[in-house]
Amino acid sequence: MEAALENPQVTIRSAPPHEVAMMLSFITRKAQCDRDMGSFTGTLQSSAEKIRHPLFGPHPFAYLLLAARERQPVGFALYYCRYSSFVGQPSLWLDDLYVDADKRSQGAGVALMRV
């Protein structure tokens, strides 16, 4: 998937397996951002291997989208499908949304949300 949406300078694409190191880098930066806000006080336990199988195995548990400006990755969104037995409908759960601090307010976060 690749989309320009309403901002031609921002592209959104599915993360491929060979970019696991970049995904981990974004997750690490998001964890630090959350620490700085006081919403995460734990230890980051993720690793490239822990990302690889759940996202790119035969039955993915979650999906990761990458946002780029001028072909440079600037952020990501991690989401997964869920089902509510009470409502009887599927939905998506957005677990992470992150854009590098110096690239915010340029449309990447909005583009990730609109995909």
PDB file of N, CA and C in Angstrom:
ATOM      1  N   MET A   1       0.843  -1.164   0.000  1.00  0.00           N
ATOM      2  CA  MET A   1       0.000   0.000   0.000  1.00  0.00           C
ATOM      3  C   MET A   1       0.894   1.235   0.000  1.00  0.00           C
ATOM      4  N   GLU A   2       0.586   2.174  -0.880  1.00  0.00           N
ATOM      5  CA  GLU A   2       1.258   3.461  -0.855  1.00  0.00           C
ATOM      6  C   GLU A   2       0.233   4.499  -1.263  1.00  0.00           C
ATOM      7  N   ALA A   3       0.155   5.569  -0.491  1.00  0.00           N
ATOM      8  CA  ALA A   3      -0.842   6.590  -0.761  1.00  0.00           C
ATOM      9  C   ALA A   3      -0.271   7.970  -0.504  1.00  0.00           C
ATOM     10  N   ALA A   4      -0.619   8.919  -1.349  1.00  0.00           N
ATOM     11  CA  ALA A   4      -0.206  10.304  -1.150  1.00  0.00           C
ATOM     12  C   ALA A   4      -1.287  11.074  -0.398  1.00  0.00           C
ATOM     13  N   LEU A   5      -2.537  10.639  -0.522  1.00  0.00           N
ATOM     14  CA  LEU A   5      -3.681  11.254   0.126  1.00  0.00           C
ATOM     15  C   LEU A   5      -3.768  12.732  -0.213  1.00  0.00           C
ATOM     16  N   GLU A   6      -4.145  13.566   0.739  1.00  0.00           N
ATOM     17  CA  GLU A   6      -4.363  14.979   0.440  1.00  0.00           C
ATOM     18  C   GLU A   6      -3.096  15.810   0.540  1.00  0.00           C
ATOM     19  N   ASN A   7      -2.019  15.248   1.004  1.00  0.00           N
ATOM     20  CA  ASN A   7      -0.758  15.971   1.113  1.00  0.00           C
ATOM     21  C   ASN A   7       0.249  15.271   0.208  1.00  0.00           C
ATOM     22  N   PRO A   8       0.518  15.827  -0.969  1.00  0.00           N
ATOM     23  CA  PRO A   8       1.395  15.140  -1.917  1.00  0.00           C
ATOM     24  C   PRO A   8       2.834  14.987  -1.423  1.00  0.00           C
ATOM     25  N   GLN A   9       3.208  15.691  -0.366  1.00  0.00           N
ATOM     26  CA  GLN A   9       4.571  15.573   0.158  1.00  0.00           C
ATOM     27  C   GLN A   9       4.707  14.439   1.154  1.00  0.00           C
ATOM     28  N   VAL A  10       3.594  13.851   1.572  1.00  0.00           N
ATOM     29  CA  VAL A  10       3.612  12.756   2.541  1.00  0.00           C
ATOM     30  C   VAL A  10       3.126  11.483   1.847  1.00  0.00           C
ATOM     31  N   THR A  11       3.902  10.420   1.982  1.00  0.00           N
ATOM     32  CA  THR A  11       3.462   9.127   1.473  1.00  0.00           C
ATOM     33  C   THR A  11       3.343   8.167   2.646  1.00  0.00           C
ATOM     34  N   ILE A  12       2.374   7.277   2.530  1.00  0.00           N
ATOM     35  CA  ILE A  12       2.135   6.258   3.552  1.00  0.00           C
ATOM     36  C   ILE A  12       2.273   4.913   2.861  1.00  0.00           C
ATOM     37  N   ARG A  13       3.017   4.011   3.502  1.00  0.00           N
ATOM     38  CA  ARG A  13       3.177   2.677   2.921  1.00  0.00           C
ATOM     39  C   ARG A  13       3.272   1.652   4.035  1.00  0.00           C
ATOM     40  N   SER A  14       2.941   0.430   3.689  1.00  0.00           N
ATOM     41  CA  SER A  14       3.109  -0.675   4.631  1.00  0.00           C
ATOM     42  C   SER A  14       4.590  -0.910   4.842  1.00  0.00           C
ATOM     43  N   ALA A  15       4.950  -1.220   6.052  1.00  0.00           N
ATOM     44  CA  ALA A  15       6.352  -1.503   6.364  1.00  0.00           C
ATOM     45  C   ALA A  15       6.719  -2.897   5.866  1.00  0.00           C
ATOM     46  N   PRO A  16       7.814  -3.019   5.128  1.00  0.00           N
ATOM     47  CA  PRO A  16       8.253  -4.334   4.658  1.00  0.00           C
ATOM     48  C   PRO A  16       9.168  -5.015   5.682  1.00  0.00           C
ATOM     49  N   PRO A  17       9.283  -6.330   5.639  1.00  0.00           N
ATOM     50  CA  PRO A  17      10.103  -7.055   6.622  1.00  0.00           C
ATOM     51  C   PRO A  17      11.562  -6.623   6.670  1.00  0.00           C
ATOM     52  N   HIS A  18      12.127  -6.188   5.548  1.00  0.00           N
ATOM     53  CA  HIS A  18      13.551  -5.824   5.560  1.00  0.00           C
ATOM     54  C   HIS A  18      13.828  -4.497   6.275  1.00  0.00           C
ATOM     55  N   GLU A  19      12.781  -3.808   6.722  1.00  0.00           N
ATOM     56  CA  GLU A  19      12.968  -2.544   7.436  1.00  0.00           C
ATOM     57  C   GLU A  19      12.682  -2.665   8.940  1.00  0.00           C
ATOM     58  N   VAL A  20      12.839  -3.853   9.482  1.00  0.00           N
ATOM     59  CA  VAL A  20      12.578  -4.079  10.902  1.00  0.00           C
ATOM     60  C   VAL A  20      13.466  -3.204  11.780  1.00  0.00           C
ATOM     61  N   ALA A  21      14.714  -3.005  11.402  1.00  0.00           N
ATOM     62  CA  ALA A  21      15.613  -2.165  12.213  1.00  0.00           C
ATOM     63  C   ALA A  21      15.086  -0.729  12.289  1.00  0.00           C
ATOM     64  N   MET A  22      14.564  -0.210  11.184  1.00  0.00           N
ATOM     65  CA  MET A  22      14.003   1.143  11.198  1.00  0.00           C
ATOM     66  C   MET A  22      12.755   1.181  12.072  1.00  0.00           C
ATOM     67  N   MET A  23      11.924   0.124  12.003  1.00  0.00           N
ATOM     68  CA  MET A  23      10.728   0.067  12.842  1.00  0.00           C
ATOM     69  C   MET A  23      11.108   0.106  14.318  1.00  0.00           C
ATOM     70  N   LEU A  24      12.126  -0.672  14.675  1.00  0.00           N
ATOM     71  CA  LEU A  24      12.582  -0.694  16.064  1.00  0.00           C
ATOM     72  C   LEU A  24      13.101   0.683  16.475  1.00  0.00           C
ATOM     73  N   SER A  25      13.767   1.368  15.570  1.00  0.00           N
ATOM     74  CA  SER A  25      14.255   2.717  15.857  1.00  0.00           C
ATOM     75  C   SER A  25      13.090   3.668  16.157  1.00  0.00           C
ATOM     76  N   PHE A  26      12.024   3.601  15.372  1.00  0.00           N
ATOM     77  CA  PHE A  26      10.850   4.431  15.639  1.00  0.00           C
ATOM     78  C   PHE A  26      10.200   4.057  16.965  1.00  0.00           C
ATOM     79  N   ILE A  27      10.088   2.773  17.248  1.00  0.00           N
ATOM     80  CA  ILE A  27       9.490   2.328  18.508  1.00  0.00           C
ATOM     81  C   ILE A  27      10.319   2.826  19.691  1.00  0.00           C
ATOM     82  N   THR A  28      11.632   2.794  19.554  1.00  0.00           N
ATOM     83  CA  THR A  28      12.526   3.284  20.607  1.00  0.00           C
ATOM     84  C   THR A  28      12.325   4.782  20.826  1.00  0.00           C
ATOM     85  N   ARG A  29      12.204   5.546  19.741  1.00  0.00           N
ATOM     86  CA  ARG A  29      11.986   6.994  19.866  1.00  0.00           C
ATOM     87  C   ARG A  29      10.619   7.289  20.480  1.00  0.00           C
ATOM     88  N   LYS A  30       9.614   6.493  20.106  1.00  0.00           N
ATOM     89  CA  LYS A  30       8.291   6.694  20.707  1.00  0.00           C
ATOM     90  C   LYS A  30       8.322   6.392  22.199  1.00  0.00           C
ATOM     91  N   ALA A  31       9.025   5.348  22.583  1.00  0.00           N
ATOM     92  CA  ALA A  31       9.135   5.018  24.008  1.00  0.00           C
ATOM     93  C   ALA A  31       9.786   6.173  24.768  1.00  0.00           C
ATOM     94  N   GLN A  32      10.818   6.787  24.192  1.00  0.00           N
ATOM     95  CA  GLN A  32      11.478   7.916  24.848  1.00  0.00           C
ATOM     96  C   GLN A  32      10.533   9.122  24.934  1.00  0.00           C
ATOM     97  N   CYS A  33       9.786   9.353  23.877  1.00  0.00           N
ATOM     98  CA  CYS A  33       8.796  10.439  23.884  1.00  0.00           C
ATOM     99  C   CYS A  33       7.763  10.204  24.985  1.00  0.00           C
ATOM    100  N   ASP A  34       7.284   8.969  25.097  1.00  0.00           N
ATOM    101  CA  ASP A  34       6.316   8.634  26.146  1.00  0.00           C
ATOM    102  C   ASP A  34       6.933   8.776  27.538  1.00  0.00           C
ATOM    103  N   ARG A  35       8.212   8.427  27.668  1.00  0.00           N
ATOM    104  CA  ARG A  35       8.906   8.619  28.961  1.00  0.00           C
ATOM    105  C   ARG A  35       8.954  10.103  29.308  1.00  0.00           C
ATOM    106  N   ASP A  36       9.299  10.919  28.324  1.00  0.00           N
ATOM    107  CA  ASP A  36       9.408  12.365  28.544  1.00  0.00           C
ATOM    108  C   ASP A  36       8.079  12.964  28.991  1.00  0.00           C
ATOM    109  N   MET A  37       6.958  12.376  28.526  1.00  0.00           N
ATOM    110  CA  MET A  37       5.627  12.859  28.919  1.00  0.00           C
ATOM    111  C   MET A  37       5.172  12.242  30.234  1.00  0.00           C
ATOM    112  N   GLY A  38       5.898  11.233  30.718  1.00  0.00           N
ATOM    113  CA  GLY A  38       5.524  10.568  31.952  1.00  0.00           C
ATOM    114  C   GLY A  38       4.502   9.462  31.773  1.00  0.00           C
ATOM    115  N   SER A  39       4.228   9.061  30.523  1.00  0.00           N
ATOM    116  CA  SER A  39       3.230   8.019  30.318  1.00  0.00           C
ATOM    117  C   SER A  39       3.828   6.624  30.168  1.00  0.00           C
ATOM    118  N   PHE A  40       5.154   6.531  30.168  1.00  0.00           N
ATOM    119  CA  PHE A  40       5.823   5.228  30.095  1.00  0.00           C
ATOM    120  C   PHE A  40       7.024   5.267  31.034  1.00  0.00           C
ATOM    121  N   THR A  41       7.023   4.380  32.001  1.00  0.00           N
ATOM    122  CA  THR A  41       8.122   4.362  32.964  1.00  0.00           C
ATOM    123  C   THR A  41       8.863   3.037  32.954  1.00  0.00           C
ATOM    124  N   GLY A  42       8.431   2.128  32.112  1.00  0.00           N
ATOM    125  CA  GLY A  42       9.026   0.805  32.075  1.00  0.00           C
ATOM    126  C   GLY A  42      10.281   0.743  31.225  1.00  0.00           C
ATOM    127  N   THR A  43      10.702  -0.471  30.954  1.00  0.00           N
ATOM    128  CA  THR A  43      11.856  -0.734  30.113  1.00  0.00           C
ATOM    129  C   THR A  43      11.373  -1.262  28.774  1.00  0.00           C
ATOM    130  N   LEU A  44      11.872  -0.698  27.697  1.00  0.00           N
ATOM    131  CA  LEU A  44      11.511  -1.178  26.371  1.00  0.00           C
ATOM    132  C   LEU A  44      12.044  -2.593  26.208  1.00  0.00           C
ATOM    133  N   GLN A  45      11.172  -3.524  25.882  1.00  0.00           N
ATOM    134  CA  GLN A  45      11.556  -4.927  25.771  1.00  0.00           C
ATOM    135  C   GLN A  45      11.494  -5.442  24.337  1.00  0.00           C
ATOM    136  N   SER A  46      11.174  -4.575  23.408  1.00  0.00           N
ATOM    137  CA  SER A  46      11.062  -4.982  22.013  1.00  0.00           C
ATOM    138  C   SER A  46      12.441  -5.228  21.410  1.00  0.00           C
ATOM    139  N   SER A  47      12.467  -5.987  20.338  1.00  0.00           N
ATOM    140  CA  SER A  47      13.701  -6.260  19.598  1.00  0.00           C
ATOM    141  C   SER A  47      13.301  -6.514  18.151  1.00  0.00           C
ATOM    142  N   ALA A  48      14.281  -6.537  17.277  1.00  0.00           N
ATOM    143  CA  ALA A  48      13.997  -6.804  15.863  1.00  0.00           C
ATOM    144  C   ALA A  48      13.305  -8.158  15.701  1.00  0.00           C
ATOM    145  N   GLU A  49      13.772  -9.155  16.403  1.00  0.00           N
ATOM    146  CA  GLU A  49      13.168 -10.488  16.272  1.00  0.00           C
ATOM    147  C   GLU A  49      11.752 -10.526  16.840  1.00  0.00           C
ATOM    148  N   LYS A  50      11.524  -9.797  17.926  1.00  0.00           N
ATOM    149  CA  LYS A  50      10.177  -9.758  18.500  1.00  0.00           C
ATOM    150  C   LYS A  50       9.204  -9.027  17.579  1.00  0.00           C
ATOM    151  N   ILE A  51       9.702  -8.161  16.732  1.00  0.00           N
ATOM    152  CA  ILE A  51       8.864  -7.453  15.763  1.00  0.00           C
ATOM    153  C   ILE A  51       8.629  -8.324  14.535  1.00  0.00           C
ATOM    154  N   ARG A  52       9.657  -8.988  14.078  1.00  0.00           N
ATOM    155  CA  ARG A  52       9.620  -9.717  12.809  1.00  0.00           C
ATOM    156  C   ARG A  52       8.490 -10.754  12.745  1.00  0.00           C
ATOM    157  N   HIS A  53       8.441 -11.665  13.687  1.00  0.00           N
ATOM    158  CA  HIS A  53       7.455 -12.749  13.591  1.00  0.00           C
ATOM    159  C   HIS A  53       6.006 -12.265  13.735  1.00  0.00           C
ATOM    160  N   PRO A  54       5.672 -11.472  14.750  1.00  0.00           N
ATOM    161  CA  PRO A  54       4.271 -11.061  14.894  1.00  0.00           C
ATOM    162  C   PRO A  54       3.760 -10.180  13.752  1.00  0.00           C
ATOM    163  N   LEU A  55       4.635  -9.391  13.123  1.00  0.00           N
ATOM    164  CA  LEU A  55       4.191  -8.520  12.047  1.00  0.00           C
ATOM    165  C   LEU A  55       4.323  -9.144  10.660  1.00  0.00           C
ATOM    166  N   PHE A  56       5.254 -10.092  10.504  1.00  0.00           N
ATOM    167  CA  PHE A  56       5.513 -10.632   9.170  1.00  0.00           C
ATOM    168  C   PHE A  56       5.454 -12.152   9.093  1.00  0.00           C
ATOM    169  N   GLY A  57       4.956 -12.785  10.144  1.00  0.00           N
ATOM    170  CA  GLY A  57       4.791 -14.235  10.135  1.00  0.00           C
ATOM    171  C   GLY A  57       3.601 -14.625   9.274  1.00  0.00           C
ATOM    172  N   PRO A  58       3.264 -15.896   9.252  1.00  0.00           N
ATOM    173  CA  PRO A  58       2.164 -16.367   8.400  1.00  0.00           C
ATOM    174  C   PRO A  58       0.795 -15.783   8.784  1.00  0.00           C
ATOM    175  N   HIS A  59       0.630 -15.408  10.044  1.00  0.00           N
ATOM    176  CA  HIS A  59      -0.625 -14.814  10.506  1.00  0.00           C
ATOM    177  C   HIS A  59      -0.289 -13.565  11.312  1.00  0.00           C
ATOM    178  N   PRO A  60      -0.136 -12.410  10.652  1.00  0.00           N
ATOM    179  CA  PRO A  60       0.266 -11.193  11.368  1.00  0.00           C
ATOM    180  C   PRO A  60      -0.708 -10.831  12.490  1.00  0.00           C
ATOM    181  N   PHE A  61      -0.148 -10.429  13.616  1.00  0.00           N
ATOM    182  CA  PHE A  61      -0.947  -9.988  14.753  1.00  0.00           C
ATOM    183  C   PHE A  61      -1.221  -8.493  14.693  1.00  0.00           C
ATOM    184  N   ALA A  62      -0.366  -7.757  13.981  1.00  0.00           N
ATOM    185  CA  ALA A  62      -0.494  -6.303  13.883  1.00  0.00           C
ATOM    186  C   ALA A  62       0.134  -5.865  12.564  1.00  0.00           C
ATOM    187  N   TYR A  63      -0.116  -4.602  12.233  1.00  0.00           N
ATOM    188  CA  TYR A  63       0.377  -4.037  10.979  1.00  0.00           C
ATOM    189  C   TYR A  63       1.020  -2.691  11.266  1.00  0.00           C
ATOM    190  N   LEU A  64       2.049  -2.376  10.515  1.00  0.00           N
ATOM    191  CA  LEU A  64       2.769  -1.129  10.726  1.00  0.00           C
ATOM    192  C   LEU A  64       2.817  -0.354   9.423  1.00  0.00           C
ATOM    193  N   LEU A  65       2.393   0.906   9.501  1.00  0.00           N
ATOM    194  CA  LEU A  65       2.456   1.818   8.367  1.00  0.00           C
ATOM    195  C   LEU A  65       3.564   2.830   8.611  1.00  0.00           C
ATOM    196  N   LEU A  66       4.274   3.184   7.559  1.00  0.00           N
ATOM    197  CA  LEU A  66       5.333   4.190   7.647  1.00  0.00           C
ATOM    198  C   LEU A  66       4.913   5.445   6.894  1.00  0.00           C
ATOM    199  N   ALA A  67       5.193   6.598   7.482  1.00  0.00           N
ATOM    200  CA  ALA A  67       4.959   7.882   6.825  1.00  0.00           C
ATOM    201  C   ALA A  67       6.307   8.433   6.392  1.00  0.00           C
ATOM    202  N   ALA A  68       6.351   8.999   5.187  1.00  0.00           N
ATOM    203  CA  ALA A  68       7.598   9.578   4.683  1.00  0.00           C
ATOM    204  C   ALA A  68       7.312  10.933   4.043  1.00  0.00           C
ATOM    205  N   ARG A  69       8.257  11.816   4.193  1.00  0.00           N
ATOM    206  CA  ARG A  69       8.261  13.110   3.495  1.00  0.00           C
ATOM    207  C   ARG A  69       9.542  13.143   2.686  1.00  0.00           C
ATOM    208  N   GLU A  70       9.385  13.439   1.412  1.00  0.00           N
ATOM    209  CA  GLU A  70      10.545  13.477   0.514  1.00  0.00           C
ATOM    210  C   GLU A  70      11.363  12.194   0.619  1.00  0.00           C
ATOM    211  N   ARG A  71      10.644  11.069   0.685  1.00  0.00           N
ATOM    212  CA  ARG A  71      11.209   9.713   0.738  1.00  0.00           C
ATOM    213  C   ARG A  71      11.976   9.393   2.032  1.00  0.00           C
ATOM    214  N   GLN A  72      11.920  10.272   3.021  1.00  0.00           N
ATOM    215  CA  GLN A  72      12.569  10.026   4.306  1.00  0.00           C
ATOM    216  C   GLN A  72      11.514   9.650   5.333  1.00  0.00           C
ATOM    217  N   PRO A  73      11.627   8.471   5.953  1.00  0.00           N
ATOM    218  CA  PRO A  73      10.643   8.077   6.975  1.00  0.00           C
ATOM    219  C   PRO A  73      10.617   9.071   8.134  1.00  0.00           C
ATOM    220  N   VAL A  74       9.408   9.466   8.515  1.00  0.00           N
ATOM    221  CA  VAL A  74       9.255  10.449   9.593  1.00  0.00           C
ATOM    222  C   VAL A  74       8.353   9.955  10.717  1.00  0.00           C
ATOM    223  N   GLY A  75       7.642   8.847  10.516  1.00  0.00           N
ATOM    224  CA  GLY A  75       6.751   8.375  11.562  1.00  0.00           C
ATOM    225  C   GLY A  75       6.111   7.047  11.208  1.00  0.00           C
ATOM    226  N   PHE A  76       5.302   6.561  12.149  1.00  0.00           N
ATOM    227  CA  PHE A  76       4.657   5.267  11.942  1.00  0.00           C
ATOM    228  C   PHE A  76       3.351   5.178  12.709  1.00  0.00           C
ATOM    229  N   ALA A  77       2.540   4.219  12.297  1.00  0.00           N
ATOM    230  CA  ALA A  77       1.330   3.843  13.025  1.00  0.00           C
ATOM    231  C   ALA A  77       1.307   2.323  13.106  1.00  0.00           C
ATOM    232  N   LEU A  78       1.004   1.803  14.280  1.00  0.00           N
ATOM    233  CA  LEU A  78       0.883   0.368  14.490  1.00  0.00           C
ATOM    234  C   LEU A  78      -0.556   0.085  14.904  1.00  0.00           C
ATOM    235  N   TYR A  79      -1.205  -0.812  14.182  1.00  0.00           N
ATOM    236  CA  TYR A  79      -2.604  -1.103  14.467  1.00  0.00           C
ATOM    237  C   TYR A  79      -2.877  -2.596  14.325  1.00  0.00           C
ATOM    238  N   TYR A  80      -3.998  -3.026  14.872  1.00  0.00           N
ATOM    239  CA  TYR A  80      -4.429  -4.408  14.704  1.00  0.00           C
ATOM    240  C   TYR A  80      -5.948  -4.467  14.677  1.00  0.00           C
ATOM    241  N   CYS A  81      -6.454  -5.576  14.159  1.00  0.00           N
ATOM    242  CA  CYS A  81      -7.894  -5.788  14.067  1.00  0.00           C
ATOM    243  C   CYS A  81      -8.397  -6.398  15.364  1.00  0.00           C
ATOM    244  N   ARG A  82      -9.612  -6.055  15.710  1.00  0.00           N
ATOM    245  CA  ARG A  82     -10.242  -6.627  16.894  1.00  0.00           C
ATOM    246  C   ARG A  82     -11.709  -6.857  16.593  1.00  0.00           C
ATOM    247  N   TYR A  83     -12.353  -7.559  17.468  1.00  0.00           N
ATOM    248  CA  TYR A  83     -13.764  -7.855  17.282  1.00  0.00           C
ATOM    249  C   TYR A  83     -14.488  -7.692  18.612  1.00  0.00           C
ATOM    250  N   SER A  84     -15.602  -6.978  18.588  1.00  0.00           N
ATOM    251  CA  SER A  84     -16.416  -6.805  19.790  1.00  0.00           C
ATOM    252  C   SER A  84     -17.598  -7.761  19.735  1.00  0.00           C
ATOM    253  N   SER A  85     -17.638  -8.686  20.666  1.00  0.00           N
ATOM    254  CA  SER A  85     -18.765  -9.620  20.712  1.00  0.00           C
ATOM    255  C   SER A  85     -20.043  -8.904  21.135  1.00  0.00           C
ATOM    256  N   PHE A  86     -19.944  -7.859  21.951  1.00  0.00           N
ATOM    257  CA  PHE A  86     -21.127  -7.143  22.398  1.00  0.00           C
ATOM    258  C   PHE A  86     -21.770  -6.343  21.269  1.00  0.00           C
ATOM    259  N   VAL A  87     -20.945  -5.735  20.443  1.00  0.00           N
ATOM    260  CA  VAL A  87     -21.454  -4.935  19.332  1.00  0.00           C
ATOM    261  C   VAL A  87     -21.665  -5.802  18.094  1.00  0.00           C
ATOM    262  N   GLY A  88     -20.899  -6.878  18.009  1.00  0.00           N
ATOM    263  CA  GLY A  88     -20.997  -7.765  16.859  1.00  0.00           C
ATOM    264  C   GLY A  88     -20.350  -7.195  15.614  1.00  0.00           C
ATOM    265  N   GLN A  89     -19.296  -6.414  15.818  1.00  0.00           N
ATOM    266  CA  GLN A  89     -18.631  -5.777  14.683  1.00  0.00           C
ATOM    267  C   GLN A  89     -17.124  -5.768  14.878  1.00  0.00           C
ATOM    268  N   PRO A  90     -16.394  -5.847  13.767  1.00  0.00           N
ATOM    269  CA  PRO A  90     -14.944  -5.691  13.842  1.00  0.00           C
ATOM    270  C   PRO A  90     -14.581  -4.208  13.909  1.00  0.00           C
ATOM    271  N   SER A  91     -13.380  -3.937  14.367  1.00  0.00           N
ATOM    272  CA  SER A  91     -12.858  -2.571  14.380  1.00  0.00           C
ATOM    273  C   SER A  91     -11.333  -2.639  14.353  1.00  0.00           C
ATOM    274  N   LEU A  92     -10.718  -1.488  14.260  1.00  0.00           N
ATOM    275  CA  LEU A  92      -9.260  -1.388  14.312  1.00  0.00           C
ATOM    276  C   LEU A  92      -8.862  -0.742  15.624  1.00  0.00           C
ATOM    277  N   TRP A  93      -7.745  -1.191  16.172  1.00  0.00           N
ATOM    278  CA  TRP A  93      -7.189  -0.586  17.371  1.00  0.00           C
ATOM    279  C   TRP A  93      -5.861   0.045  16.989  1.00  0.00           C
ATOM    280  N   LEU A  94      -5.777   1.349  17.130  1.00  0.00           N
ATOM    281  CA  LEU A  94      -4.530   2.063  16.874  1.00  0.00           C
ATOM    282  C   LEU A  94      -3.717   2.021  18.151  1.00  0.00           C
ATOM    283  N   ASP A  95      -2.625   1.275  18.149  1.00  0.00           N
ATOM    284  CA  ASP A  95      -1.824   1.115  19.352  1.00  0.00           C
ATOM    285  C   ASP A  95      -0.760   2.190  19.469  1.00  0.00           C
ATOM    286  N   ASP A  96      -0.119   2.529  18.361  1.00  0.00           N
ATOM    287  CA  ASP A  96       0.932   3.547  18.369  1.00  0.00           C
ATOM    288  C   ASP A  96       0.755   4.475  17.187  1.00  0.00           C
ATOM    289  N   LEU A  97       0.980   5.759  17.432  1.00  0.00           N
ATOM    290  CA  LEU A  97       1.063   6.766  16.388  1.00  0.00           C
ATOM    291  C   LEU A  97       2.199   7.685  16.790  1.00  0.00           C
ATOM    292  N   TYR A  98       3.195   7.818  15.930  1.00  0.00           N
ATOM    293  CA  TYR A  98       4.372   8.603  16.276  1.00  0.00           C
ATOM    294  C   TYR A  98       4.918   9.284  15.033  1.00  0.00           C
ATOM    295  N   VAL A  99       5.289  10.554  15.185  1.00  0.00           N
ATOM    296  CA  VAL A  99       5.990  11.312  14.151  1.00  0.00           C
ATOM    297  C   VAL A  99       7.151  12.000  14.847  1.00  0.00           C
ATOM    298  N   ASP A 100       8.336  11.946  14.220  1.00  0.00           N
ATOM    299  CA  ASP A 100       9.515  12.605  14.796  1.00  0.00           C
ATOM    300  C   ASP A 100       9.198  14.059  15.121  1.00  0.00           C
ATOM    301  N   ALA A 101       9.697  14.538  16.261  1.00  0.00           N
ATOM    302  CA  ALA A 101       9.369  15.872  16.767  1.00  0.00           C
ATOM    303  C   ALA A 101       9.634  16.973  15.746  1.00  0.00           C
ATOM    304  N   ASP A 102      10.744  16.892  15.039  1.00  0.00           N
ATOM    305  CA  ASP A 102      11.078  17.956  14.087  1.00  0.00           C
ATOM    306  C   ASP A 102      10.296  17.869  12.783  1.00  0.00           C
ATOM    307  N   LYS A 103       9.456  16.848  12.633  1.00  0.00           N
ATOM    308  CA  LYS A 103       8.650  16.667  11.419  1.00  0.00           C
ATOM    309  C   LYS A 103       7.154  16.796  11.699  1.00  0.00           C
ATOM    310  N   ARG A 104       6.797  17.141  12.918  1.00  0.00           N
ATOM    311  CA  ARG A 104       5.388  17.271  13.277  1.00  0.00           C
ATOM    312  C   ARG A 104       4.777  18.532  12.667  1.00  0.00           C
ATOM    313  N   SER A 105       3.456  18.537  12.601  1.00  0.00           N
ATOM    314  CA  SER A 105       2.674  19.651  12.039  1.00  0.00           C
ATOM    315  C   SER A 105       2.948  19.861  10.556  1.00  0.00           C
ATOM    316  N   GLN A 106       3.311  18.773   9.865  1.00  0.00           N
ATOM    317  CA  GLN A 106       3.550  18.848   8.417  1.00  0.00           C
ATOM    318  C   GLN A 106       2.682  17.845   7.668  1.00  0.00           C
ATOM    319  N   GLY A 107       1.716  17.238   8.348  1.00  0.00           N
ATOM    320  CA  GLY A 107       0.736  16.389   7.681  1.00  0.00           C
ATOM    321  C   GLY A 107       0.939  14.889   7.800  1.00  0.00           C
ATOM    322  N   ALA A 108       2.046  14.432   8.356  1.00  0.00           N
ATOM    323  CA  ALA A 108       2.299  12.992   8.426  1.00  0.00           C
ATOM    324  C   ALA A 108       1.326  12.280   9.362  1.00  0.00           C
ATOM    325  N   GLY A 109       1.072  12.841  10.520  1.00  0.00           N
ATOM    326  CA  GLY A 109       0.144  12.222  11.466  1.00  0.00           C
ATOM    327  C   GLY A 109      -1.274  12.147  10.911  1.00  0.00           C
ATOM    328  N   VAL A 110      -1.717  13.213  10.279  1.00  0.00           N
ATOM    329  CA  VAL A 110      -3.050  13.228   9.659  1.00  0.00           C
ATOM    330  C   VAL A 110      -3.102  12.181   8.552  1.00  0.00           C
ATOM    331  N   ALA A 111      -2.071  12.092   7.736  1.00  0.00           N
ATOM    332  CA  ALA A 111      -2.052  11.115   6.652  1.00  0.00           C
ATOM    333  C   ALA A 111      -2.112   9.690   7.202  1.00  0.00           C
ATOM    334  N   LEU A 112      -1.389   9.411   8.295  1.00  0.00           N
ATOM    335  CA  LEU A 112      -1.439   8.077   8.901  1.00  0.00           C
ATOM    336  C   LEU A 112      -2.845   7.753   9.397  1.00  0.00           C
ATOM    337  N   MET A 113      -3.527   8.722   9.937  1.00  0.00           N
ATOM    338  CA  MET A 113      -4.875   8.490  10.459  1.00  0.00           C
ATOM    339  C   MET A 113      -5.904   8.299   9.345  1.00  0.00           C
ATOM    340  N   ARG A 114      -5.655   8.831   8.178  1.00  0.00           N
ATOM    341  CA  ARG A 114      -6.636   8.765   7.097  1.00  0.00           C
ATOM    342  C   ARG A 114      -6.528   7.507   6.246  1.00  0.00           C
ATOM    343  N   VAL A 115      -5.483   6.755   6.403  1.00  0.00           N
ATOM    344  CA  VAL A 115      -5.329   5.558   5.563  1.00  0.00           C
ATOM    345  C   VAL A 115      -6.375   4.535   5.921  1.00  0.00           C
TER     346      VAL A 115
END
